[in-house]
Amino acid sequence: MTKRLLILLGLLFSVAISAQEFKFENETIDYGKIAKNSDGKRVFEFTNIGDAPLIIENIKTSCDCAVPEKPEKPIMPGEKSTLTVEYDTSKTGGFSKIITIFSNAKNEVKKIRIKGYITK
């Protein structure tokens, strides 16, 4: 019984040591007031603060009006990278959209946000 407990503790400790994690410079990008049909592309910057390669597996948005681009290569520990979101600015009015990131990080799901107001 003691041997099994030691093996289990060893496994848990090894998983905790090699955790991936990332930190965003800003988790919300506020477009502010922008003109209709203006450039809707914005960039989120983040750093892999874990000790293993970070892999962004998928990104989903709360609507088809925001198109995300994820890094294709693994982000090495300490390395900075970007995630681009392009919002469709052809419709006027306020918006607030969630971008959900799925990765191999310690917290597998991360949510970031864009918001703003498109004027005529």
Protein backbone atom coordinates (compact mmCIF):
# COMPACT_ATOMS: atom_id res chain seq x y z
CA MET A 1 0.00 0.00 0.00
CA THR A 2 2.82 2.41 0.89
CA LYS A 3 4.59 1.63 -2.39
CA ARG A 4 1.46 2.48 -4.40
CA LEU A 5 1.02 5.73 -2.50
CA LEU A 6 4.63 6.74 -3.20
CA ILE A 7 4.22 5.97 -6.91
CA LEU A 8 1.00 8.00 -7.04
CA LEU A 9 2.62 10.95 -5.26
CA GLY A 10 5.61 10.76 -7.61
CA LEU A 11 3.34 10.89 -10.65
CA LEU A 12 1.38 13.84 -9.31
CA PHE A 13 4.58 15.71 -8.47
CA SER A 14 6.06 15.12 -11.95
CA VAL A 15 2.89 16.41 -13.64
CA ALA A 16 2.89 19.54 -11.47
CA ILE A 17 6.52 20.30 -12.32
CA SER A 18 6.05 20.21 -16.10
CA ALA A 19 2.97 22.42 -16.36
CA GLN A 20 2.44 24.78 -19.26
CA GLU A 21 0.93 28.15 -18.59
CA PHE A 22 0.58 31.42 -20.44
CA LYS A 23 0.10 35.04 -19.45
CA PHE A 24 -1.51 37.68 -21.64
CA GLU A 25 -0.34 41.30 -21.69
CA ASN A 26 -4.07 42.22 -21.80
CA GLU A 27 -6.98 39.80 -21.63
CA THR A 28 -9.39 42.38 -23.07
CA ILE A 29 -8.86 44.55 -26.11
CA ASP A 30 -11.11 47.60 -26.21
CA TYR A 31 -11.47 48.94 -29.75
CA GLY A 32 -13.12 52.05 -28.36
CA LYS A 33 -15.23 53.94 -30.90
CA ILE A 34 -14.21 53.06 -34.46
CA ALA A 35 -15.70 53.90 -37.85
CA LYS A 36 -17.77 51.45 -39.85
CA ASN A 37 -15.62 49.32 -42.22
CA SER A 38 -12.38 50.31 -40.47
CA ASP A 39 -9.57 47.87 -39.71
CA GLY A 40 -10.89 45.27 -37.24
CA LYS A 41 -7.62 43.40 -36.74
CA ARG A 42 -6.16 43.38 -33.22
CA VAL A 43 -3.30 41.41 -31.65
CA PHE A 44 -3.15 39.78 -28.23
CA GLU A 45 0.40 39.26 -26.94
CA PHE A 46 1.21 36.48 -24.49
CA THR A 47 4.17 34.67 -22.95
CA ASN A 48 4.62 31.00 -22.12
CA ILE A 49 5.44 31.24 -18.41
CA GLY A 50 5.49 27.45 -17.97
CA ASP A 51 8.43 25.12 -18.23
CA ALA A 52 7.29 23.07 -21.24
CA PRO A 53 6.19 23.89 -24.81
CA LEU A 54 2.72 25.44 -25.03
CA ILE A 55 0.46 24.27 -27.84
CA ILE A 56 -2.63 26.26 -28.81
CA GLU A 57 -4.88 23.48 -30.08
CA ASN A 58 -7.98 25.45 -31.09
CA ILE A 59 -9.67 28.84 -30.78
CA LYS A 60 -13.41 29.48 -30.87
CA THR A 61 -15.28 32.78 -30.85
CA SER A 62 -18.77 33.62 -29.64
CA CYS A 63 -19.78 34.61 -33.20
CA ASP A 64 -18.71 34.32 -36.85
CA CYS A 65 -18.02 38.07 -36.84
CA ALA A 66 -14.62 37.57 -35.17
CA VAL A 67 -11.99 35.44 -36.90
CA PRO A 68 -9.01 34.34 -34.76
CA GLU A 69 -5.57 33.23 -35.95
CA LYS A 70 -3.53 31.00 -33.65
CA PRO A 71 0.19 30.28 -33.60
CA GLU A 72 0.89 27.11 -35.58
CA LYS A 73 4.13 26.16 -33.79
CA PRO A 74 4.57 25.29 -30.11
CA ILE A 75 5.58 28.26 -27.96
CA MET A 76 8.69 27.42 -25.98
CA PRO A 77 9.07 28.30 -22.26
CA GLY A 78 9.79 32.02 -21.86
CA GLU A 79 8.88 32.71 -25.49
CA LYS A 80 6.42 35.44 -26.49
CA SER A 81 3.82 34.94 -29.18
CA THR A 82 0.68 36.55 -30.57
CA LEU A 83 -2.89 35.66 -31.31
CA THR A 84 -4.68 37.78 -33.91
CA VAL A 85 -8.42 38.46 -34.00
CA GLU A 86 -10.14 40.22 -36.89
CA TYR A 87 -13.58 41.63 -36.14
CA ASP A 88 -16.07 42.39 -38.93
CA THR A 89 -16.64 46.14 -38.68
CA SER A 90 -19.34 46.32 -41.38
CA LYS A 91 -22.19 46.62 -38.85
CA THR A 92 -22.69 49.55 -36.51
CA GLY A 93 -23.30 49.37 -32.78
CA GLY A 94 -21.64 48.00 -29.69
CA PHE A 95 -20.03 44.59 -29.43
CA SER A 96 -18.47 42.40 -26.80
CA LYS A 97 -17.17 39.00 -27.89
CA ILE A 98 -15.45 36.14 -26.10
CA ILE A 99 -12.50 34.28 -27.63
CA THR A 100 -12.01 30.83 -26.08
CA ILE A 101 -8.55 29.28 -26.33
CA PHE A 102 -8.01 25.54 -25.97
CA SER A 103 -4.44 24.48 -25.21
CA ASN A 104 -2.26 22.00 -23.35
CA ALA A 105 -1.82 24.54 -20.53
CA LYS A 106 -2.45 23.77 -16.89
CA ASN A 107 -5.85 25.46 -17.32
CA GLU A 108 -6.82 23.99 -20.69
CA VAL A 109 -9.46 26.63 -21.47
CA LYS A 110 -8.69 30.36 -21.39
CA LYS A 111 -11.14 33.14 -22.28
CA ILE A 112 -10.14 36.57 -23.56
CA ARG A 113 -12.38 39.34 -24.90
CA ILE A 114 -12.76 42.06 -27.49
CA LYS A 115 -15.21 44.92 -27.20
CA GLY A 116 -15.96 48.26 -28.78
CA TYR A 117 -18.46 50.43 -30.61
CA ILE A 118 -18.72 50.88 -34.39
CA THR A 119 -20.04 54.26 -35.54
CA LYS A 120 -21.61 55.23 -38.88
